[in-house]
């Protein structure tokens, strides 16, 4: 059995985590929306779609460890040759049509 002090400490830690988790998620969401606009995306913001495309660039960065590549992959709302090359490098060409549709959705110009 835990001592009363340990129980109170544990309870305080849980409360702290619960009260601080929500604002952090809000900040991350706001960061994604700002990134969306700063990349020149003019379409409708879709959190899931943006996250999938951004993940391609993140994985490509992890593969090559080139800081410039990460930014170039995301340039022009993912509508660029670097993004396409990352899809190839990550062996995702079987999903390239799906990625193209997602890019067009965020890019906003069909």
PDB file of N, CA and C in Angstrom:
ATOM      1  N   UNK A   1       0.843  -1.175   0.000  1.00  0.00           N
ATOM      2  CA  UNK A   1       0.000   0.000   0.000  1.00  0.00           C
ATOM      3  C   UNK A   1       0.885   1.234   0.000  1.00  0.00           C
ATOM      4  N   UNK A   2       0.514   2.261  -0.690  1.00  0.00           N
ATOM      5  CA  UNK A   2       1.283   3.504  -0.789  1.00  0.00           C
ATOM      6  C   UNK A   2       1.015   4.381   0.420  1.00  0.00           C
ATOM      7  N   UNK A   3       2.012   5.171   0.748  1.00  0.00           N
ATOM      8  CA  UNK A   3       1.839   6.129   1.841  1.00  0.00           C
ATOM      9  C   UNK A   3       0.930   7.258   1.379  1.00  0.00           C
ATOM     10  N   UNK A   4       0.306   7.973   2.317  1.00  0.00           N
ATOM     11  CA  UNK A   4      -0.568   9.088   1.938  1.00  0.00           C
ATOM     12  C   UNK A   4       0.166  10.168   1.146  1.00  0.00           C
ATOM     13  N   UNK A   5       1.424  10.412   1.472  1.00  0.00           N
ATOM     14  CA  UNK A   5       2.202  11.427   0.756  1.00  0.00           C
ATOM     15  C   UNK A   5       2.413  11.001  -0.698  1.00  0.00           C
ATOM     16  N   UNK A   6       2.722   9.732  -0.906  1.00  0.00           N
ATOM     17  CA  UNK A   6       2.925   9.230  -2.268  1.00  0.00           C
ATOM     18  C   UNK A   6       1.628   9.288  -3.062  1.00  0.00           C
ATOM     19  N   UNK A   7       0.522   8.974  -2.425  1.00  0.00           N
ATOM     20  CA  UNK A   7      -0.777   9.024  -3.102  1.00  0.00           C
ATOM     21  C   UNK A   7      -1.131  10.440  -3.525  1.00  0.00           C
ATOM     22  N   UNK A   8      -0.893  11.402  -2.637  1.00  0.00           N
ATOM     23  CA  UNK A   8      -1.179  12.801  -2.950  1.00  0.00           C
ATOM     24  C   UNK A   8      -0.270  13.281  -4.076  1.00  0.00           C
ATOM     25  N   UNK A   9       0.999  12.906  -4.021  1.00  0.00           N
ATOM     26  CA  UNK A   9       1.942  13.299  -5.073  1.00  0.00           C
ATOM     27  C   UNK A   9       1.513  12.738  -6.421  1.00  0.00           C
ATOM     28  N   UNK A  10       1.107  11.502  -6.427  1.00  0.00           N
ATOM     29  CA  UNK A  10       0.654  10.864  -7.666  1.00  0.00           C
ATOM     30  C   UNK A  10      -0.591  11.567  -8.203  1.00  0.00           C
ATOM     31  N   UNK A  11      -1.522  11.871  -7.319  1.00  0.00           N
ATOM     32  CA  UNK A  11      -2.744  12.560  -7.714  1.00  0.00           C
ATOM     33  C   UNK A  11      -2.446  13.942  -8.287  1.00  0.00           C
ATOM     34  N   UNK A  12      -1.517  14.662  -7.668  1.00  0.00           N
ATOM     35  CA  UNK A  12      -1.130  15.985  -8.167  1.00  0.00           C
ATOM     36  C   UNK A  12      -0.495  15.892  -9.555  1.00  0.00           C
ATOM     37  N   UNK A  13       0.330  14.879  -9.754  1.00  0.00           N
ATOM     38  CA  UNK A  13       0.962  14.692 -11.073  1.00  0.00           C
ATOM     39  C   UNK A  13      -0.091  14.420 -12.147  1.00  0.00           C
ATOM     40  N   UNK A  14      -1.054  13.585 -11.823  1.00  0.00           N
ATOM     41  CA  UNK A  14      -2.114  13.274 -12.787  1.00  0.00           C
ATOM     42  C   UNK A  14      -2.918  14.525 -13.119  1.00  0.00           C
ATOM     43  N   UNK A  15      -3.258  15.306 -12.093  1.00  0.00           N
ATOM     44  CA  UNK A  15      -4.007  16.551 -12.322  1.00  0.00           C
ATOM     45  C   UNK A  15      -3.209  17.515 -13.193  1.00  0.00           C
ATOM     46  N   UNK A  16      -1.917  17.611 -12.930  1.00  0.00           N
ATOM     47  CA  UNK A  16      -1.061  18.500 -13.714  1.00  0.00           C
ATOM     48  C   UNK A  16      -1.072  18.107 -15.186  1.00  0.00           C
ATOM     49  N   UNK A  17      -0.931  16.821 -15.445  1.00  0.00           N
ATOM     50  CA  UNK A  17      -0.918  16.331 -16.824  1.00  0.00           C
ATOM     51  C   UNK A  17      -2.256  16.609 -17.504  1.00  0.00           C
ATOM     52  N   UNK A  18      -3.340  16.365 -16.811  1.00  0.00           N
ATOM     53  CA  UNK A  18      -4.660  16.587 -17.402  1.00  0.00           C
ATOM     54  C   UNK A  18      -4.918  18.051 -17.720  1.00  0.00           C
ATOM     55  N   UNK A  19      -4.502  18.947 -16.837  1.00  0.00           N
ATOM     56  CA  UNK A  19      -4.764  20.364 -17.053  1.00  0.00           C
ATOM     57  C   UNK A  19      -3.834  20.998 -18.075  1.00  0.00           C
ATOM     58  N   UNK A  20      -2.663  20.436 -18.270  1.00  0.00           N
ATOM     59  CA  UNK A  20      -1.726  21.033 -19.223  1.00  0.00           C
ATOM     60  C   UNK A  20      -1.808  20.407 -20.604  1.00  0.00           C
ATOM     61  N   UNK A  21      -2.424  19.262 -20.756  1.00  0.00           N
ATOM     62  CA  UNK A  21      -2.465  18.576 -22.055  1.00  0.00           C
ATOM     63  C   UNK A  21      -3.306  19.328 -23.074  1.00  0.00           C
ATOM     64  N   UNK A  22      -4.413  19.846 -22.694  1.00  0.00           N
ATOM     65  CA  UNK A  22      -5.316  20.502 -23.634  1.00  0.00           C
ATOM     66  C   UNK A  22      -4.710  21.723 -24.308  1.00  0.00           C
ATOM     67  N   UNK A  23      -4.090  22.672 -23.592  1.00  0.00           N
ATOM     68  CA  UNK A  23      -3.492  23.823 -24.269  1.00  0.00           C
ATOM     69  C   UNK A  23      -2.368  23.438 -25.217  1.00  0.00           C
ATOM     70  N   UNK A  24      -1.614  22.401 -24.890  1.00  0.00           N
ATOM     71  CA  UNK A  24      -0.531  21.976 -25.768  1.00  0.00           C
ATOM     72  C   UNK A  24      -1.104  21.501 -27.092  1.00  0.00           C
ATOM     73  N   UNK A  25      -2.170  20.723 -27.053  1.00  0.00           N
ATOM     74  CA  UNK A  25      -2.788  20.251 -28.287  1.00  0.00           C
ATOM     75  C   UNK A  25      -3.308  21.421 -29.100  1.00  0.00           C
ATOM     76  N   UNK A  26      -3.840  22.418 -28.434  1.00  0.00           N
ATOM     77  CA  UNK A  26      -4.326  23.606 -29.123  1.00  0.00           C
ATOM     78  C   UNK A  26      -3.183  24.334 -29.814  1.00  0.00           C
ATOM     79  N   UNK A  27      -2.037  24.447 -29.137  1.00  0.00           N
ATOM     80  CA  UNK A  27      -0.877  25.111 -29.731  1.00  0.00           C
ATOM     81  C   UNK A  27      -0.371  24.353 -30.948  1.00  0.00           C
ATOM     82  N   UNK A  28      -0.380  23.033 -30.883  1.00  0.00           N
ATOM     83  CA  UNK A  28       0.058  22.227 -32.027  1.00  0.00           C
ATOM     84  C   UNK A  28      -0.891  22.440 -33.198  1.00  0.00           C
ATOM     85  N   UNK A  29      -2.197  22.472 -32.931  1.00  0.00           N
ATOM     86  CA  UNK A  29      -3.181  22.684 -33.996  1.00  0.00           C
ATOM     87  C   UNK A  29      -2.980  24.054 -34.637  1.00  0.00           C
ATOM     88  N   UNK A  30      -2.749  25.081 -33.807  1.00  0.00           N
ATOM     89  CA  UNK A  30      -2.512  26.422 -34.334  1.00  0.00           C
ATOM     90  C   UNK A  30      -1.233  26.462 -35.161  1.00  0.00           C
ATOM     91  N   UNK A  31      -0.210  25.731 -34.719  1.00  0.00           N
ATOM     92  CA  UNK A  31       1.046  25.673 -35.459  1.00  0.00           C
ATOM     93  C   UNK A  31       0.815  25.074 -36.840  1.00  0.00           C
ATOM     94  N   UNK A  32       0.014  24.008 -36.914  1.00  0.00           N
ATOM     95  CA  UNK A  32      -0.277  23.388 -38.210  1.00  0.00           C
ATOM     96  C   UNK A  32      -1.028  24.356 -39.117  1.00  0.00           C
ATOM     97  N   UNK A  33      -1.977  25.100 -38.566  1.00  0.00           N
ATOM     98  CA  UNK A  33      -2.727  26.059 -39.384  1.00  0.00           C
ATOM     99  C   UNK A  33      -1.818  27.164 -39.887  1.00  0.00           C
ATOM    100  N   UNK A  34      -0.893  27.630 -39.040  1.00  0.00           N
ATOM    101  CA  UNK A  34       0.055  28.663 -39.481  1.00  0.00           C
ATOM    102  C   UNK A  34       0.978  28.102 -40.551  1.00  0.00           C
ATOM    103  N   UNK A  35       1.431  26.860 -40.368  1.00  0.00           N
ATOM    104  CA  UNK A  35       2.281  26.225 -41.371  1.00  0.00           C
ATOM    105  C   UNK A  35       1.532  26.096 -42.687  1.00  0.00           C
ATOM    106  N   UNK A  36       0.277  25.722 -42.596  1.00  0.00           N
ATOM    107  CA  UNK A  36      -0.581  25.576 -43.774  1.00  0.00           C
ATOM    108  C   UNK A  36      -0.592  26.869 -44.582  1.00  0.00           C
ATOM    109  N   UNK A  37      -0.828  27.979 -43.929  1.00  0.00           N
ATOM    110  CA  UNK A  37      -0.889  29.274 -44.617  1.00  0.00           C
ATOM    111  C   UNK A  37       0.481  29.710 -45.110  1.00  0.00           C
ATOM    112  N   UNK A  38       1.507  29.496 -44.308  1.00  0.00           N
ATOM    113  CA  UNK A  38       2.843  29.961 -44.694  1.00  0.00           C
ATOM    114  C   UNK A  38       3.417  29.173 -45.869  1.00  0.00           C
ATOM    115  N   UNK A  39       2.903  27.984 -46.113  1.00  0.00           N
ATOM    116  CA  UNK A  39       3.368  27.177 -47.248  1.00  0.00           C
ATOM    117  C   UNK A  39       2.673  27.554 -48.551  1.00  0.00           C
ATOM    118  N   UNK A  40       1.746  28.488 -48.478  1.00  0.00           N
ATOM    119  CA  UNK A  40       1.047  28.920 -49.681  1.00  0.00           C
ATOM    120  C   UNK A  40      -0.162  28.081 -50.018  1.00  0.00           C
ATOM    121  N   UNK A  41      -0.646  27.329 -49.053  1.00  0.00           N
ATOM    122  CA  UNK A  41      -1.841  26.519 -49.279  1.00  0.00           C
ATOM    123  C   UNK A  41      -3.066  27.420 -49.287  1.00  0.00           C
ATOM    124  N   UNK A  42      -3.861  27.314 -50.337  1.00  0.00           N
ATOM    125  CA  UNK A  42      -5.040  28.159 -50.492  1.00  0.00           C
ATOM    126  C   UNK A  42      -6.339  27.368 -50.437  1.00  0.00           C
ATOM    127  N   UNK A  43      -6.225  26.061 -50.275  1.00  0.00           N
ATOM    128  CA  UNK A  43      -7.417  25.219 -50.213  1.00  0.00           C
ATOM    129  C   UNK A  43      -7.988  25.168 -48.816  1.00  0.00           C
ATOM    130  N   UNK A  44      -8.798  24.158 -48.580  1.00  0.00           N
ATOM    131  CA  UNK A  44      -9.431  23.975 -47.278  1.00  0.00           C
ATOM    132  C   UNK A  44      -8.460  23.238 -46.362  1.00  0.00           C
ATOM    133  N   UNK A  45      -8.275  23.778 -45.150  1.00  0.00           N
ATOM    134  CA  UNK A  45      -7.386  23.133 -44.184  1.00  0.00           C
ATOM    135  C   UNK A  45      -8.015  21.834 -43.705  1.00  0.00           C
ATOM    136  N   UNK A  46      -7.305  20.747 -43.919  1.00  0.00           N
ATOM    137  CA  UNK A  46      -7.723  19.431 -43.448  1.00  0.00           C
ATOM    138  C   UNK A  46      -6.559  18.883 -42.636  1.00  0.00           C
ATOM    139  N   UNK A  47      -6.757  18.808 -41.337  1.00  0.00           N
ATOM    140  CA  UNK A  47      -5.692  18.414 -40.419  1.00  0.00           C
ATOM    141  C   UNK A  47      -5.080  17.060 -40.783  1.00  0.00           C
ATOM    142  N   UNK A  48      -5.921  16.069 -41.072  1.00  0.00           N
ATOM    143  CA  UNK A  48      -5.435  14.726 -41.376  1.00  0.00           C
ATOM    144  C   UNK A  48      -4.635  14.701 -42.678  1.00  0.00           C
ATOM    145  N   UNK A  49      -5.136  15.374 -43.689  1.00  0.00           N
ATOM    146  CA  UNK A  49      -4.438  15.418 -44.977  1.00  0.00           C
ATOM    147  C   UNK A  49      -3.108  16.133 -44.840  1.00  0.00           C
ATOM    148  N   UNK A  50      -3.119  17.280 -44.171  1.00  0.00           N
ATOM    149  CA  UNK A  50      -1.881  18.030 -43.972  1.00  0.00           C
ATOM    150  C   UNK A  50      -0.861  17.179 -43.217  1.00  0.00           C
ATOM    151  N   UNK A  51      -1.311  16.468 -42.193  1.00  0.00           N
ATOM    152  CA  UNK A  51      -0.408  15.634 -41.398  1.00  0.00           C
ATOM    153  C   UNK A  51       0.203  14.515 -42.241  1.00  0.00           C
ATOM    154  N   UNK A  52      -0.588  13.904 -43.134  1.00  0.00           N
ATOM    155  CA  UNK A  52      -0.066  12.824 -43.983  1.00  0.00           C
ATOM    156  C   UNK A  52       1.000  13.339 -44.942  1.00  0.00           C
ATOM    157  N   UNK A  53       0.742  14.490 -45.555  1.00  0.00           N
ATOM    158  CA  UNK A  53       1.714  15.051 -46.491  1.00  0.00           C
ATOM    159  C   UNK A  53       2.967  15.507 -45.751  1.00  0.00           C
ATOM    160  N   UNK A  54       2.773  16.118 -44.608  1.00  0.00           N
ATOM    161  CA  UNK A  54       3.903  16.577 -43.804  1.00  0.00           C
ATOM    162  C   UNK A  54       4.739  15.393 -43.338  1.00  0.00           C
ATOM    163  N   UNK A  55       4.089  14.269 -43.080  1.00  0.00           N
ATOM    164  CA  UNK A  55       4.793  13.068 -42.638  1.00  0.00           C
ATOM    165  C   UNK A  55       5.728  12.547 -43.734  1.00  0.00           C
ATOM    166  N   UNK A  56       5.306  12.670 -44.985  1.00  0.00           N
ATOM    167  CA  UNK A  56       6.179  12.264 -46.094  1.00  0.00           C
ATOM    168  C   UNK A  56       7.474  13.069 -46.037  1.00  0.00           C
ATOM    169  N   UNK A  57       7.349  14.375 -45.842  1.00  0.00           N
ATOM    170  CA  UNK A  57       8.540  15.231 -45.782  1.00  0.00           C
ATOM    171  C   UNK A  57       9.375  14.934 -44.545  1.00  0.00           C
ATOM    172  N   UNK A  58       8.723  14.648 -43.425  1.00  0.00           N
ATOM    173  CA  UNK A  58       9.452  14.287 -42.208  1.00  0.00           C
ATOM    174  C   UNK A  58      10.230  12.990 -42.410  1.00  0.00           C
ATOM    175  N   UNK A  59       9.576  11.993 -43.002  1.00  0.00           N
ATOM    176  CA  UNK A  59      10.238  10.710 -43.243  1.00  0.00           C
ATOM    177  C   UNK A  59      11.381  10.858 -44.242  1.00  0.00           C
ATOM    178  N   UNK A  60      11.191  11.707 -45.227  1.00  0.00           N
ATOM    179  CA  UNK A  60      12.240  11.961 -46.212  1.00  0.00           C
ATOM    180  C   UNK A  60      13.444  12.621 -45.532  1.00  0.00           C
ATOM    181  N   UNK A  61      13.159  13.559 -44.640  1.00  0.00           N
ATOM    182  CA  UNK A  61      14.238  14.193 -43.870  1.00  0.00           C
ATOM    183  C   UNK A  61      14.974  13.139 -43.041  1.00  0.00           C
ATOM    184  N   UNK A  62      14.231  12.243 -42.391  1.00  0.00           N
ATOM    185  CA  UNK A  62      14.857  11.203 -41.573  1.00  0.00           C
ATOM    186  C   UNK A  62      15.740  10.289 -42.426  1.00  0.00           C
ATOM    187  N   UNK A  63      15.355  10.092 -43.661  1.00  0.00           N
ATOM    188  CA  UNK A  63      16.126   9.238 -44.563  1.00  0.00           C
ATOM    189  C   UNK A  63      17.433   9.892 -44.989  1.00  0.00           C
ATOM    190  N   UNK A  64      17.381  11.179 -45.358  1.00  0.00           N
ATOM    191  CA  UNK A  64      18.555  11.868 -45.898  1.00  0.00           C
ATOM    192  C   UNK A  64      19.238  12.817 -44.923  1.00  0.00           C
ATOM    193  N   UNK A  65      18.558  13.227 -43.865  1.00  0.00           N
ATOM    194  CA  UNK A  65      19.098  14.153 -42.853  1.00  0.00           C
ATOM    195  C   UNK A  65      19.613  15.449 -43.477  1.00  0.00           C
ATOM    196  N   UNK A  66      18.816  16.016 -44.359  1.00  0.00           N
ATOM    197  CA  UNK A  66      19.160  17.278 -45.020  1.00  0.00           C
ATOM    198  C   UNK A  66      18.090  18.310 -44.667  1.00  0.00           C
ATOM    199  N   UNK A  67      18.473  19.320 -43.883  1.00  0.00           N
ATOM    200  CA  UNK A  67      17.514  20.335 -43.437  1.00  0.00           C
ATOM    201  C   UNK A  67      16.847  21.053 -44.605  1.00  0.00           C
ATOM    202  N   UNK A  68      17.601  21.349 -45.639  1.00  0.00           N
ATOM    203  CA  UNK A  68      17.033  22.040 -46.800  1.00  0.00           C
ATOM    204  C   UNK A  68      15.959  21.190 -47.479  1.00  0.00           C
ATOM    205  N   UNK A  69      16.187  19.906 -47.522  1.00  0.00           N
ATOM    206  CA  UNK A  69      15.238  19.001 -48.170  1.00  0.00           C
ATOM    207  C   UNK A  69      13.871  19.058 -47.486  1.00  0.00           C
ATOM    208  N   UNK A  70      13.864  19.143 -46.182  1.00  0.00           N
ATOM    209  CA  UNK A  70      12.590  19.192 -45.456  1.00  0.00           C
ATOM    210  C   UNK A  70      11.777  20.409 -45.871  1.00  0.00           C
ATOM    211  N   UNK A  71      12.419  21.557 -45.980  1.00  0.00           N
ATOM    212  CA  UNK A  71      11.713  22.775 -46.393  1.00  0.00           C
ATOM    213  C   UNK A  71      11.325  22.726 -47.868  1.00  0.00           C
ATOM    214  N   UNK A  72      12.217  22.227 -48.693  1.00  0.00           N
ATOM    215  CA  UNK A  72      11.934  22.145 -50.129  1.00  0.00           C
ATOM    216  C   UNK A  72      10.783  21.182 -50.423  1.00  0.00           C
ATOM    217  N   UNK A  73      10.691  20.120 -49.668  1.00  0.00           N
ATOM    218  CA  UNK A  73       9.619  19.140 -49.837  1.00  0.00           C
ATOM    219  C   UNK A  73       8.254  19.768 -49.555  1.00  0.00           C
ATOM    220  N   UNK A  74       8.193  20.676 -48.610  1.00  0.00           N
ATOM    221  CA  UNK A  74       6.934  21.312 -48.200  1.00  0.00           C
ATOM    222  C   UNK A  74       6.616  22.571 -49.014  1.00  0.00           C
ATOM    223  N   UNK A  75       7.587  23.043 -49.774  1.00  0.00           N
ATOM    224  CA  UNK A  75       7.436  24.300 -50.510  1.00  0.00           C
ATOM    225  C   UNK A  75       6.230  24.259 -51.451  1.00  0.00           C
ATOM    226  N   UNK A  76       5.595  25.417 -51.612  1.00  0.00           N
ATOM    227  CA  UNK A  76       4.451  25.560 -52.521  1.00  0.00           C
ATOM    228  C   UNK A  76       3.335  24.567 -52.180  1.00  0.00           C
ATOM    229  N   UNK A  77       3.131  24.382 -50.881  1.00  0.00           N
ATOM    230  CA  UNK A  77       2.053  23.501 -50.398  1.00  0.00           C
ATOM    231  C   UNK A  77       2.215  22.067 -50.923  1.00  0.00           C
ATOM    232  N   UNK A  78       3.448  21.576 -50.890  1.00  0.00           N
ATOM    233  CA  UNK A  78       3.795  20.210 -51.293  1.00  0.00           C
ATOM    234  C   UNK A  78       3.688  19.991 -52.807  1.00  0.00           C
ATOM    235  N   UNK A  79       3.408  21.013 -53.563  1.00  0.00           N
ATOM    236  CA  UNK A  79       3.254  20.873 -55.018  1.00  0.00           C
ATOM    237  C   UNK A  79       4.594  21.199 -55.672  1.00  0.00           C
ATOM    238  N   UNK A  80       5.515  20.228 -55.636  1.00  0.00           N
ATOM    239  CA  UNK A  80       6.852  20.433 -56.181  1.00  0.00           C
ATOM    240  C   UNK A  80       7.505  19.085 -56.465  1.00  0.00           C
ATOM    241  N   UNK A  81       8.613  19.137 -57.187  1.00  0.00           N
ATOM    242  CA  UNK A  81       9.311  17.907 -57.560  1.00  0.00           C
ATOM    243  C   UNK A  81       9.990  17.234 -56.374  1.00  0.00           C
ATOM    244  N   UNK A  82      10.396  17.999 -55.363  1.00  0.00           N
ATOM    245  CA  UNK A  82      11.036  17.399 -54.194  1.00  0.00           C
ATOM    246  C   UNK A  82      10.066  16.467 -53.471  1.00  0.00           C
ATOM    247  N   UNK A  83       8.825  16.902 -53.335  1.00  0.00           N
ATOM    248  CA  UNK A  83       7.819  16.053 -52.694  1.00  0.00           C
ATOM    249  C   UNK A  83       7.643  14.756 -53.485  1.00  0.00           C
ATOM    250  N   UNK A  84       7.581  14.866 -54.805  1.00  0.00           N
ATOM    251  CA  UNK A  84       7.420  13.678 -55.648  1.00  0.00           C
ATOM    252  C   UNK A  84       8.617  12.742 -55.519  1.00  0.00           C
ATOM    253  N   UNK A  85       9.816  13.315 -55.448  1.00  0.00           N
ATOM    254  CA  UNK A  85      11.021  12.489 -55.293  1.00  0.00           C
ATOM    255  C   UNK A  85      11.052  11.816 -53.923  1.00  0.00           C
ATOM    256  N   UNK A  86      10.538  12.500 -52.910  1.00  0.00           N
ATOM    257  CA  UNK A  86      10.458  11.889 -51.580  1.00  0.00           C
ATOM    258  C   UNK A  86       9.503  10.700 -51.595  1.00  0.00           C
ATOM    259  N   UNK A  87       8.400  10.826 -52.313  1.00  0.00           N
ATOM    260  CA  UNK A  87       7.463   9.705 -52.443  1.00  0.00           C
ATOM    261  C   UNK A  87       8.180   8.506 -53.063  1.00  0.00           C
ATOM    262  N   UNK A  88       8.977   8.766 -54.085  1.00  0.00           N
ATOM    263  CA  UNK A  88       9.736   7.692 -54.729  1.00  0.00           C
ATOM    264  C   UNK A  88      10.765   7.100 -53.777  1.00  0.00           C
ATOM    265  N   UNK A  89      11.507   7.962 -53.081  1.00  0.00           N
ATOM    266  CA  UNK A  89      12.560   7.497 -52.176  1.00  0.00           C
ATOM    267  C   UNK A  89      11.997   6.665 -51.027  1.00  0.00           C
ATOM    268  N   UNK A  90      10.793   6.985 -50.605  1.00  0.00           N
ATOM    269  CA  UNK A  90      10.158   6.261 -49.503  1.00  0.00           C
ATOM    270  C   UNK A  90       9.357   5.051 -49.986  1.00  0.00           C
ATOM    271  N   UNK A  91       9.472   4.757 -51.276  1.00  0.00           N
ATOM    272  CA  UNK A  91       8.802   3.611 -51.897  1.00  0.00           C
ATOM    273  C   UNK A  91       7.280   3.679 -51.738  1.00  0.00           C
ATOM    274  N   UNK A  92       6.748   4.872 -51.959  1.00  0.00           N
ATOM    275  CA  UNK A  92       5.307   5.096 -51.842  1.00  0.00           C
ATOM    276  C   UNK A  92       4.658   5.406 -53.192  1.00  0.00           C
ATOM    277  N   UNK A  93       5.322   5.046 -54.281  1.00  0.00           N
ATOM    278  CA  UNK A  93       4.799   5.389 -55.610  1.00  0.00           C
ATOM    279  C   UNK A  93       3.441   4.738 -55.886  1.00  0.00           C
ATOM    280  N   UNK A  94       3.158   3.625 -55.234  1.00  0.00           N
ATOM    281  CA  UNK A  94       1.845   2.984 -55.414  1.00  0.00           C
ATOM    282  C   UNK A  94       0.713   3.849 -54.858  1.00  0.00           C
ATOM    283  N   UNK A  95       1.058   4.868 -54.062  1.00  0.00           N
ATOM    284  CA  UNK A  95       0.064   5.786 -53.505  1.00  0.00           C
ATOM    285  C   UNK A  95       0.180   7.190 -54.095  1.00  0.00           C
ATOM    286  N   UNK A  96       0.950   7.340 -55.163  1.00  0.00           N
ATOM    287  CA  UNK A  96       1.222   8.679 -55.687  1.00  0.00           C
ATOM    288  C   UNK A  96      -0.037   9.411 -56.159  1.00  0.00           C
ATOM    289  N   UNK A  97      -1.002   8.700 -56.737  1.00  0.00           N
ATOM    290  CA  UNK A  97      -2.244   9.365 -57.157  1.00  0.00           C
ATOM    291  C   UNK A  97      -3.007   9.912 -55.952  1.00  0.00           C
ATOM    292  N   UNK A  98      -3.046   9.136 -54.886  1.00  0.00           N
ATOM    293  CA  UNK A  98      -3.724   9.575 -53.666  1.00  0.00           C
ATOM    294  C   UNK A  98      -3.032  10.813 -53.091  1.00  0.00           C
ATOM    295  N   UNK A  99      -1.689  10.802 -53.096  1.00  0.00           N
ATOM    296  CA  UNK A  99      -0.949  11.961 -52.602  1.00  0.00           C
ATOM    297  C   UNK A  99      -1.201  13.187 -53.477  1.00  0.00           C
ATOM    298  N   UNK A 100      -1.267  12.988 -54.778  1.00  0.00           N
ATOM    299  CA  UNK A 100      -1.531  14.099 -55.696  1.00  0.00           C
ATOM    300  C   UNK A 100      -2.900  14.724 -55.417  1.00  0.00           C
ATOM    301  N   UNK A 101      -3.895  13.898 -55.172  1.00  0.00           N
ATOM    302  CA  UNK A 101      -5.230  14.410 -54.833  1.00  0.00           C
ATOM    303  C   UNK A 101      -5.200  15.208 -53.530  1.00  0.00           C
ATOM    304  N   UNK A 102      -4.454  14.704 -52.549  1.00  0.00           N
ATOM    305  CA  UNK A 102      -4.353  15.408 -51.273  1.00  0.00           C
ATOM    306  C   UNK A 102      -3.663  16.754 -51.445  1.00  0.00           C
ATOM    307  N   UNK A 103      -2.606  16.771 -52.257  1.00  0.00           N
ATOM    308  CA  UNK A 103      -1.889  18.023 -52.516  1.00  0.00           C
ATOM    309  C   UNK A 103      -2.830  19.031 -53.161  1.00  0.00           C
ATOM    310  N   UNK A 104      -3.581  18.596 -54.160  1.00  0.00           N
ATOM    311  CA  UNK A 104      -4.507  19.509 -54.841  1.00  0.00           C
ATOM    312  C   UNK A 104      -5.593  20.029 -53.902  1.00  0.00           C
ATOM    313  N   UNK A 105      -6.042  19.188 -52.990  1.00  0.00           N
ATOM    314  CA  UNK A 105      -7.052  19.616 -52.014  1.00  0.00           C
ATOM    315  C   UNK A 105      -6.517  20.759 -51.147  1.00  0.00           C
ATOM    316  N   UNK A 106      -5.282  20.616 -50.677  1.00  0.00           N
ATOM    317  CA  UNK A 106      -4.699  21.656 -49.826  1.00  0.00           C
ATOM    318  C   UNK A 106      -4.230  22.857 -50.633  1.00  0.00           C
ATOM    319  N   UNK A 107      -3.706  22.588 -51.813  1.00  0.00           N
ATOM    320  CA  UNK A 107      -3.177  23.660 -52.657  1.00  0.00           C
ATOM    321  C   UNK A 107      -4.284  24.626 -53.057  1.00  0.00           C
ATOM    322  N   UNK A 108      -5.452  24.082 -53.335  1.00  0.00           N
ATOM    323  CA  UNK A 108      -6.611  24.929 -53.591  1.00  0.00           C
ATOM    324  C   UNK A 108      -6.807  25.354 -55.023  1.00  0.00           C
ATOM    325  N   UNK A 109      -6.004  24.845 -55.929  1.00  0.00           N
ATOM    326  CA  UNK A 109      -6.158  25.199 -57.344  1.00  0.00           C
ATOM    327  C   UNK A 109      -6.201  23.910 -58.138  1.00  0.00           C
ATOM    328  N   UNK A 110      -7.326  23.615 -58.709  1.00  0.00           N
ATOM    329  CA  UNK A 110      -7.441  22.365 -59.479  1.00  0.00           C
ATOM    330  C   UNK A 110      -7.400  22.642 -60.952  1.00  0.00           C
TER     331      UNK A 110
END
